[in-house]
PDB file of N, CA and C in Angstrom:
ATOM      1  N   MET A   1      13.200   8.353   8.108  1.00  0.00           N
ATOM      2  CA  MET A   1      12.820   7.288   7.220  1.00  0.00           C
ATOM      3  C   MET A   1      11.507   7.650   6.539  1.00  0.00           C
ATOM      4  N   ILE A   2      11.414   7.369   5.270  1.00  0.00           N
ATOM      5  CA  ILE A   2      10.191   7.610   4.508  1.00  0.00           C
ATOM      6  C   ILE A   2       9.203   6.485   4.805  1.00  0.00           C
ATOM      7  N   THR A   3       7.953   6.857   5.054  1.00  0.00           N
ATOM      8  CA  THR A   3       6.918   5.870   5.333  1.00  0.00           C
ATOM      9  C   THR A   3       5.718   6.121   4.432  1.00  0.00           C
ATOM     10  N   ILE A   4       4.871   5.116   4.338  1.00  0.00           N
ATOM     11  CA  ILE A   4       3.611   5.237   3.615  1.00  0.00           C
ATOM     12  C   ILE A   4       2.522   5.424   4.665  1.00  0.00           C
ATOM     13  N   THR A   5       1.825   6.529   4.588  1.00  0.00           N
ATOM     14  CA  THR A   5       0.768   6.816   5.551  1.00  0.00           C
ATOM     15  C   THR A   5      -0.539   6.213   5.052  1.00  0.00           C
ATOM     16  N   ILE A   6      -1.133   5.360   5.881  1.00  0.00           N
ATOM     17  CA  ILE A   6      -2.368   4.661   5.532  1.00  0.00           C
ATOM     18  C   ILE A   6      -3.493   5.166   6.421  1.00  0.00           C
ATOM     19  N   ASN A   7      -4.550   5.639   5.796  1.00  0.00           N
ATOM     20  CA  ASN A   7      -5.747   6.095   6.494  1.00  0.00           C
ATOM     21  C   ASN A   7      -5.448   7.123   7.582  1.00  0.00           C
ATOM     22  N   GLY A   8      -4.341   7.848   7.451  1.00  0.00           N
ATOM     23  CA  GLY A   8      -3.977   8.858   8.426  1.00  0.00           C
ATOM     24  C   GLY A   8      -3.642   8.300   9.799  1.00  0.00           C
ATOM     25  N   MET A   9      -3.555   6.966   9.906  1.00  0.00           N
ATOM     26  CA  MET A   9      -3.337   6.335  11.207  1.00  0.00           C
ATOM     27  C   MET A   9      -2.027   5.564  11.298  1.00  0.00           C
ATOM     28  N   TYR A  10      -1.623   4.951  10.217  1.00  0.00           N
ATOM     29  CA  TYR A  10      -0.457   4.082  10.236  1.00  0.00           C
ATOM     30  C   TYR A  10       0.618   4.616   9.306  1.00  0.00           C
ATOM     31  N   ASP A  11       1.833   4.601   9.765  1.00  0.00           N
ATOM     32  CA  ASP A  11       2.971   4.946   8.934  1.00  0.00           C
ATOM     33  C   ASP A  11       3.758   3.654   8.718  1.00  0.00           C
ATOM     34  N   ILE A  12       3.602   3.080   7.543  1.00  0.00           N
ATOM     35  CA  ILE A  12       4.211   1.786   7.238  1.00  0.00           C
ATOM     36  C   ILE A  12       5.565   2.005   6.580  1.00  0.00           C
ATOM     37  N   GLU A  13       6.570   1.352   7.113  1.00  0.00           N
ATOM     38  CA  GLU A  13       7.901   1.421   6.531  1.00  0.00           C
ATOM     39  C   GLU A  13       7.978   0.444   5.355  1.00  0.00           C
ATOM     40  N   PRO A  14       8.609   0.855   4.253  1.00  0.00           N
ATOM     41  CA  PRO A  14       8.658   0.012   3.054  1.00  0.00           C
ATOM     42  C   PRO A  14       9.204  -1.400   3.290  1.00  0.00           C
ATOM     43  N   GLN A  15      10.144  -1.567   4.218  1.00  0.00           N
ATOM     44  CA  GLN A  15      10.700  -2.902   4.443  1.00  0.00           C
ATOM     45  C   GLN A  15       9.683  -3.843   5.090  1.00  0.00           C
ATOM     46  N   HIS A  16       8.571  -3.331   5.593  1.00  0.00           N
ATOM     47  CA  HIS A  16       7.525  -4.160   6.183  1.00  0.00           C
ATOM     48  C   HIS A  16       6.500  -4.618   5.148  1.00  0.00           C
ATOM     49  N   ILE A  17       6.635  -4.151   3.917  1.00  0.00           N
ATOM     50  CA  ILE A  17       5.680  -4.498   2.867  1.00  0.00           C
ATOM     51  C   ILE A  17       6.218  -5.667   2.054  1.00  0.00           C
ATOM     52  N   ASP A  18       5.386  -6.707   1.944  1.00  0.00           N
ATOM     53  CA  ASP A  18       5.746  -7.873   1.142  1.00  0.00           C
ATOM     54  C   ASP A  18       5.435  -7.587  -0.327  1.00  0.00           C
ATOM     55  N   PHE A  19       4.201  -7.195  -0.609  1.00  0.00           N
ATOM     56  CA  PHE A  19       3.817  -6.795  -1.962  1.00  0.00           C
ATOM     57  C   PHE A  19       2.557  -5.947  -1.913  1.00  0.00           C
ATOM     58  N   ILE A  20       2.292  -5.270  -3.034  1.00  0.00           N
ATOM     59  CA  ILE A  20       1.117  -4.409  -3.161  1.00  0.00           C
ATOM     60  C   ILE A  20       0.375  -4.817  -4.424  1.00  0.00           C
ATOM     61  N   THR A  21      -0.938  -5.013  -4.271  1.00  0.00           N
ATOM     62  CA  THR A  21      -1.772  -5.395  -5.406  1.00  0.00           C
ATOM     63  C   THR A  21      -2.699  -4.244  -5.767  1.00  0.00           C
ATOM     64  N   PRO A  22      -2.583  -3.696  -6.987  1.00  0.00           N
ATOM     65  CA  PRO A  22      -3.532  -2.660  -7.413  1.00  0.00           C
ATOM     66  C   PRO A  22      -4.875  -3.306  -7.751  1.00  0.00           C
ATOM     67  N   GLU A  23      -5.961  -2.644  -7.372  1.00  0.00           N
ATOM     68  CA  GLU A  23      -7.307  -3.193  -7.603  1.00  0.00           C
ATOM     69  C   GLU A  23      -8.214  -2.128  -8.200  1.00  0.00           C
ATOM     70  N   ASP A  24      -9.240  -2.601  -8.927  1.00  0.00           N
ATOM     71  CA  ASP A  24     -10.248  -1.684  -9.463  1.00  0.00           C
ATOM     72  C   ASP A  24     -11.323  -1.460  -8.391  1.00  0.00           C
ATOM     73  N   GLU A  25     -12.368  -0.717  -8.747  1.00  0.00           N
ATOM     74  CA  GLU A  25     -13.398  -0.368  -7.765  1.00  0.00           C
ATOM     75  C   GLU A  25     -14.204  -1.569  -7.278  1.00  0.00           C
ATOM     76  N   ASN A  26     -14.092  -2.724  -7.958  1.00  0.00           N
ATOM     77  CA  ASN A  26     -14.779  -3.935  -7.525  1.00  0.00           C
ATOM     78  C   ASN A  26     -13.897  -4.831  -6.661  1.00  0.00           C
ATOM     79  N   GLY A  27     -12.671  -4.413  -6.415  1.00  0.00           N
ATOM     80  CA  GLY A  27     -11.753  -5.208  -5.621  1.00  0.00           C
ATOM     81  C   GLY A  27     -11.022  -6.272  -6.414  1.00  0.00           C
ATOM     82  N   ASP A  28     -11.126  -6.200  -7.742  1.00  0.00           N
ATOM     83  CA  ASP A  28     -10.430  -7.145  -8.612  1.00  0.00           C
ATOM     84  C   ASP A  28      -9.053  -6.584  -8.962  1.00  0.00           C
ATOM     85  N   GLY A  29      -8.066  -7.458  -9.065  1.00  0.00           N
ATOM     86  CA  GLY A  29      -6.737  -7.025  -9.456  1.00  0.00           C
ATOM     87  C   GLY A  29      -6.752  -6.369 -10.825  1.00  0.00           C
ATOM     88  N   THR A  30      -5.889  -5.388 -11.021  1.00  0.00           N
ATOM     89  CA  THR A  30      -5.798  -4.694 -12.297  1.00  0.00           C
ATOM     90  C   THR A  30      -4.333  -4.477 -12.659  1.00  0.00           C
ATOM     91  N   GLU A  31      -4.060  -4.433 -13.947  1.00  0.00           N
ATOM     92  CA  GLU A  31      -2.711  -4.160 -14.433  1.00  0.00           C
ATOM     93  C   GLU A  31      -2.396  -2.661 -14.400  1.00  0.00           C
ATOM     94  N   ASP A  32      -3.435  -1.835 -14.366  1.00  0.00           N
ATOM     95  CA  ASP A  32      -3.263  -0.376 -14.395  1.00  0.00           C
ATOM     96  C   ASP A  32      -2.967   0.141 -12.991  1.00  0.00           C
ATOM     97  N   PHE A  33      -1.718  -0.048 -12.560  1.00  0.00           N
ATOM     98  CA  PHE A  33      -1.380   0.310 -11.184  1.00  0.00           C
ATOM     99  C   PHE A  33      -1.358   1.819 -10.953  1.00  0.00           C
ATOM    100  N   ILE A  34      -1.183   2.602 -11.990  1.00  0.00           N
ATOM    101  CA  ILE A  34      -1.159   4.058 -11.821  1.00  0.00           C
ATOM    102  C   ILE A  34      -2.557   4.601 -11.539  1.00  0.00           C
ATOM    103  N   GLU A  35      -3.546   4.097 -12.240  1.00  0.00           N
ATOM    104  CA  GLU A  35      -4.919   4.585 -12.089  1.00  0.00           C
ATOM    105  C   GLU A  35      -5.793   3.640 -11.272  1.00  0.00           C
ATOM    106  N   ALA A  36      -5.197   2.747 -10.501  1.00  0.00           N
ATOM    107  CA  ALA A  36      -5.973   1.809  -9.683  1.00  0.00           C
ATOM    108  C   ALA A  36      -6.864   2.573  -8.705  1.00  0.00           C
ATOM    109  N   PHE A  37      -8.002   2.011  -8.415  1.00  0.00           N
ATOM    110  CA  PHE A  37      -8.928   2.625  -7.459  1.00  0.00           C
ATOM    111  C   PHE A  37      -8.412   2.473  -6.035  1.00  0.00           C
ATOM    112  N   GLN A  38      -7.818   1.308  -5.752  1.00  0.00           N
ATOM    113  CA  GLN A  38      -7.319   1.036  -4.411  1.00  0.00           C
ATOM    114  C   GLN A  38      -6.118   0.101  -4.490  1.00  0.00           C
ATOM    115  N   TYR A  39      -5.424  -0.020  -3.358  1.00  0.00           N
ATOM    116  CA  TYR A  39      -4.228  -0.866  -3.276  1.00  0.00           C
ATOM    117  C   TYR A  39      -4.350  -1.770  -2.053  1.00  0.00           C
ATOM    118  N   ARG A  40      -4.104  -3.057  -2.260  1.00  0.00           N
ATOM    119  CA  ARG A  40      -4.075  -4.025  -1.157  1.00  0.00           C
ATOM    120  C   ARG A  40      -2.616  -4.214  -0.768  1.00  0.00           C
ATOM    121  N   ILE A  41      -2.273  -3.789   0.426  1.00  0.00           N
ATOM    122  CA  ILE A  41      -0.894  -3.834   0.899  1.00  0.00           C
ATOM    123  C   ILE A  41      -0.746  -5.036   1.826  1.00  0.00           C
ATOM    124  N   SER A  42       0.087  -5.980   1.413  1.00  0.00           N
ATOM    125  CA  SER A  42       0.341  -7.178   2.211  1.00  0.00           C
ATOM    126  C   SER A  42       1.677  -7.020   2.920  1.00  0.00           C
ATOM    127  N   LEU A  43       1.670  -7.337   4.196  1.00  0.00           N
ATOM    128  CA  LEU A  43       2.847  -7.136   5.029  1.00  0.00           C
ATOM    129  C   LEU A  43       3.688  -8.398   5.166  1.00  0.00           C
ATOM    130  N   THR A  44       4.946  -8.190   5.466  1.00  0.00           N
ATOM    131  CA  THR A  44       5.838  -9.285   5.824  1.00  0.00           C
ATOM    132  C   THR A  44       5.473  -9.738   7.244  1.00  0.00           C
ATOM    133  N   ASP A  45       6.078 -10.818   7.694  1.00  0.00           N
ATOM    134  CA  ASP A  45       5.850 -11.257   9.075  1.00  0.00           C
ATOM    135  C   ASP A  45       6.292 -10.190  10.064  1.00  0.00           C
ATOM    136  N   GLU A  46       7.408  -9.539   9.767  1.00  0.00           N
ATOM    137  CA  GLU A  46       7.890  -8.456  10.630  1.00  0.00           C
ATOM    138  C   GLU A  46       6.896  -7.293  10.650  1.00  0.00           C
ATOM    139  N   GLY A  47       6.311  -6.992   9.502  1.00  0.00           N
ATOM    140  CA  GLY A  47       5.311  -5.934   9.428  1.00  0.00           C
ATOM    141  C   GLY A  47       4.052  -6.281  10.208  1.00  0.00           C
ATOM    142  N   PHE A  48       3.654  -7.554  10.148  1.00  0.00           N
ATOM    143  CA  PHE A  48       2.491  -8.011  10.912  1.00  0.00           C
ATOM    144  C   PHE A  48       2.716  -7.774  12.403  1.00  0.00           C
ATOM    145  N   ASP A  49       3.921  -8.061  12.860  1.00  0.00           N
ATOM    146  CA  ASP A  49       4.253  -7.865  14.273  1.00  0.00           C
ATOM    147  C   ASP A  49       4.321  -6.381  14.649  1.00  0.00           C
ATOM    148  N   ALA A  50       4.643  -5.525  13.682  1.00  0.00           N
ATOM    149  CA  ALA A  50       4.839  -4.103  13.959  1.00  0.00           C
ATOM    150  C   ALA A  50       3.528  -3.302  13.997  1.00  0.00           C
ATOM    151  N   TYR A  51       2.482  -3.795  13.318  1.00  0.00           N
ATOM    152  CA  TYR A  51       1.227  -3.040  13.221  1.00  0.00           C
ATOM    153  C   TYR A  51       0.081  -3.901  13.730  1.00  0.00           C
ATOM    154  N   ASP A  52      -1.016  -3.274  14.080  1.00  0.00           N
ATOM    155  CA  ASP A  52      -2.116  -4.012  14.703  1.00  0.00           C
ATOM    156  C   ASP A  52      -3.332  -4.199  13.795  1.00  0.00           C
ATOM    157  N   PHE A  53      -3.147  -4.245  12.476  1.00  0.00           N
ATOM    158  CA  PHE A  53      -4.294  -4.422  11.593  1.00  0.00           C
ATOM    159  C   PHE A  53      -4.255  -5.713  10.780  1.00  0.00           C
ATOM    160  N   GLY A  54      -3.368  -6.621  11.079  1.00  0.00           N
ATOM    161  CA  GLY A  54      -3.325  -7.898  10.373  1.00  0.00           C
ATOM    162  C   GLY A  54      -2.289  -7.901   9.270  1.00  0.00           C
ATOM    163  N   TYR A  55      -2.403  -8.898   8.395  1.00  0.00           N
ATOM    164  CA  TYR A  55      -1.404  -9.074   7.342  1.00  0.00           C
ATOM    165  C   TYR A  55      -1.611  -8.168   6.138  1.00  0.00           C
ATOM    166  N   GLU A  56      -2.784  -7.559   6.023  1.00  0.00           N
ATOM    167  CA  GLU A  56      -2.984  -6.671   4.877  1.00  0.00           C
ATOM    168  C   GLU A  56      -3.960  -5.564   5.224  1.00  0.00           C
ATOM    169  N   VAL A  57      -3.846  -4.513   4.441  1.00  0.00           N
ATOM    170  CA  VAL A  57      -4.743  -3.373   4.574  1.00  0.00           C
ATOM    171  C   VAL A  57      -5.048  -2.883   3.159  1.00  0.00           C
ATOM    172  N   VAL A  58      -6.283  -2.444   2.955  1.00  0.00           N
ATOM    173  CA  VAL A  58      -6.698  -1.893   1.664  1.00  0.00           C
ATOM    174  C   VAL A  58      -6.888  -0.395   1.834  1.00  0.00           C
ATOM    175  N   VAL A  59      -6.286   0.348   0.931  1.00  0.00           N
ATOM    176  CA  VAL A  59      -6.402   1.804   0.986  1.00  0.00           C
ATOM    177  C   VAL A  59      -6.775   2.322  -0.401  1.00  0.00           C
ATOM    178  N   GLU A  60      -7.750   3.231  -0.437  1.00  0.00           N
ATOM    179  CA  GLU A  60      -8.136   3.840  -1.708  1.00  0.00           C
ATOM    180  C   GLU A  60      -7.096   4.877  -2.101  1.00  0.00           C
ATOM    181  N   ARG A  61      -6.884   4.991  -3.389  1.00  0.00           N
ATOM    182  CA  ARG A  61      -5.911   5.960  -3.897  1.00  0.00           C
ATOM    183  C   ARG A  61      -6.232   7.366  -3.420  1.00  0.00           C
ATOM    184  N   SER A  62      -7.515   7.701  -3.357  1.00  0.00           N
ATOM    185  CA  SER A  62      -7.913   9.054  -2.942  1.00  0.00           C
ATOM    186  C   SER A  62      -7.558   9.355  -1.484  1.00  0.00           C
ATOM    187  N   GLU A  63      -7.283   8.329  -0.677  1.00  0.00           N
ATOM    188  CA  GLU A  63      -6.935   8.514   0.732  1.00  0.00           C
ATOM    189  C   GLU A  63      -5.437   8.715   0.949  1.00  0.00           C
ATOM    190  N   LEU A  64      -4.649   8.562  -0.097  1.00  0.00           N
ATOM    191  CA  LEU A  64      -3.193   8.647   0.031  1.00  0.00           C
ATOM    192  C   LEU A  64      -2.702  10.069  -0.205  1.00  0.00           C
ATOM    193  N   ASP A  65      -1.724  10.487   0.584  1.00  0.00           N
ATOM    194  CA  ASP A  65      -1.072  11.753   0.268  1.00  0.00           C
ATOM    195  C   ASP A  65      -0.116  11.498  -0.910  1.00  0.00           C
ATOM    196  N   SER A  66       0.389  12.533  -1.509  1.00  0.00           N
ATOM    197  CA  SER A  66       1.172  12.386  -2.738  1.00  0.00           C
ATOM    198  C   SER A  66       2.454  11.584  -2.522  1.00  0.00           C
ATOM    199  N   LEU A  67       3.122  11.759  -1.401  1.00  0.00           N
ATOM    200  CA  LEU A  67       4.350  11.013  -1.136  1.00  0.00           C
ATOM    201  C   LEU A  67       4.062   9.524  -0.957  1.00  0.00           C
ATOM    202  N   SER A  68       2.994   9.192  -0.238  1.00  0.00           N
ATOM    203  CA  SER A  68       2.628   7.782  -0.041  1.00  0.00           C
ATOM    204  C   SER A  68       2.252   7.138  -1.375  1.00  0.00           C
ATOM    205  N   TYR A  69       1.519   7.875  -2.206  1.00  0.00           N
ATOM    206  CA  TYR A  69       1.148   7.369  -3.532  1.00  0.00           C
ATOM    207  C   TYR A  69       2.398   7.090  -4.365  1.00  0.00           C
ATOM    208  N   GLU A  70       3.340   8.001  -4.365  1.00  0.00           N
ATOM    209  CA  GLU A  70       4.587   7.801  -5.118  1.00  0.00           C
ATOM    210  C   GLU A  70       5.363   6.599  -4.596  1.00  0.00           C
ATOM    211  N   MET A  71       5.397   6.422  -3.283  1.00  0.00           N
ATOM    212  CA  MET A  71       6.096   5.269  -2.698  1.00  0.00           C
ATOM    213  C   MET A  71       5.445   3.959  -3.114  1.00  0.00           C
ATOM    214  N   ILE A  72       4.125   3.925  -3.134  1.00  0.00           N
ATOM    215  CA  ILE A  72       3.405   2.721  -3.557  1.00  0.00           C
ATOM    216  C   ILE A  72       3.747   2.403  -5.004  1.00  0.00           C
ATOM    217  N   LEU A  73       3.730   3.398  -5.861  1.00  0.00           N
ATOM    218  CA  LEU A  73       4.072   3.165  -7.270  1.00  0.00           C
ATOM    219  C   LEU A  73       5.505   2.665  -7.416  1.00  0.00           C
ATOM    220  N   GLU A  74       6.410   3.203  -6.625  1.00  0.00           N
ATOM    221  CA  GLU A  74       7.805   2.790  -6.679  1.00  0.00           C
ATOM    222  C   GLU A  74       7.969   1.331  -6.220  1.00  0.00           C
ATOM    223  N   ILE A  75       7.204   0.930  -5.229  1.00  0.00           N
ATOM    224  CA  ILE A  75       7.269  -0.458  -4.759  1.00  0.00           C
ATOM    225  C   ILE A  75       6.702  -1.409  -5.823  1.00  0.00           C
ATOM    226  N   ILE A  76       5.612  -1.012  -6.459  1.00  0.00           N
ATOM    227  CA  ILE A  76       5.006  -1.866  -7.484  1.00  0.00           C
ATOM    228  C   ILE A  76       5.898  -1.957  -8.709  1.00  0.00           C
ATOM    229  N   GLN A  77       6.421  -0.833  -9.167  1.00  0.00           N
ATOM    230  CA  GLN A  77       7.201  -0.774 -10.404  1.00  0.00           C
ATOM    231  C   GLN A  77       8.489   0.017 -10.150  1.00  0.00           C
ATOM    232  N   PRO A  78       9.514  -0.622  -9.606  1.00  0.00           N
ATOM    233  CA  PRO A  78      10.765   0.109  -9.331  1.00  0.00           C
ATOM    234  C   PRO A  78      11.363   0.693 -10.609  1.00  0.00           C
ATOM    235  N   THR A  79      11.970   1.860 -10.469  1.00  0.00           N
ATOM    236  CA  THR A  79      12.591   2.490 -11.634  1.00  0.00           C
ATOM    237  C   THR A  79      14.006   2.020 -11.815  1.00  0.00           C
TER     238      THR A  79
END
């Protein structure tokens, strides 16, 4: 199964993600999801039960490997 690796510690399965909000460097939402500084990943209830960091996690784009970055973009804007 393909997962999104967060901070090198968590491998989040896409079905555990409720939505992803792209943010700029100030933590404000942005429409530019491709060049966003960071992403706020909100989990489903099942995802909350599966991981130990709460209902959401914020990850900077620079911390993502290329596959995780592509998965995030696909979740935000499905092709």
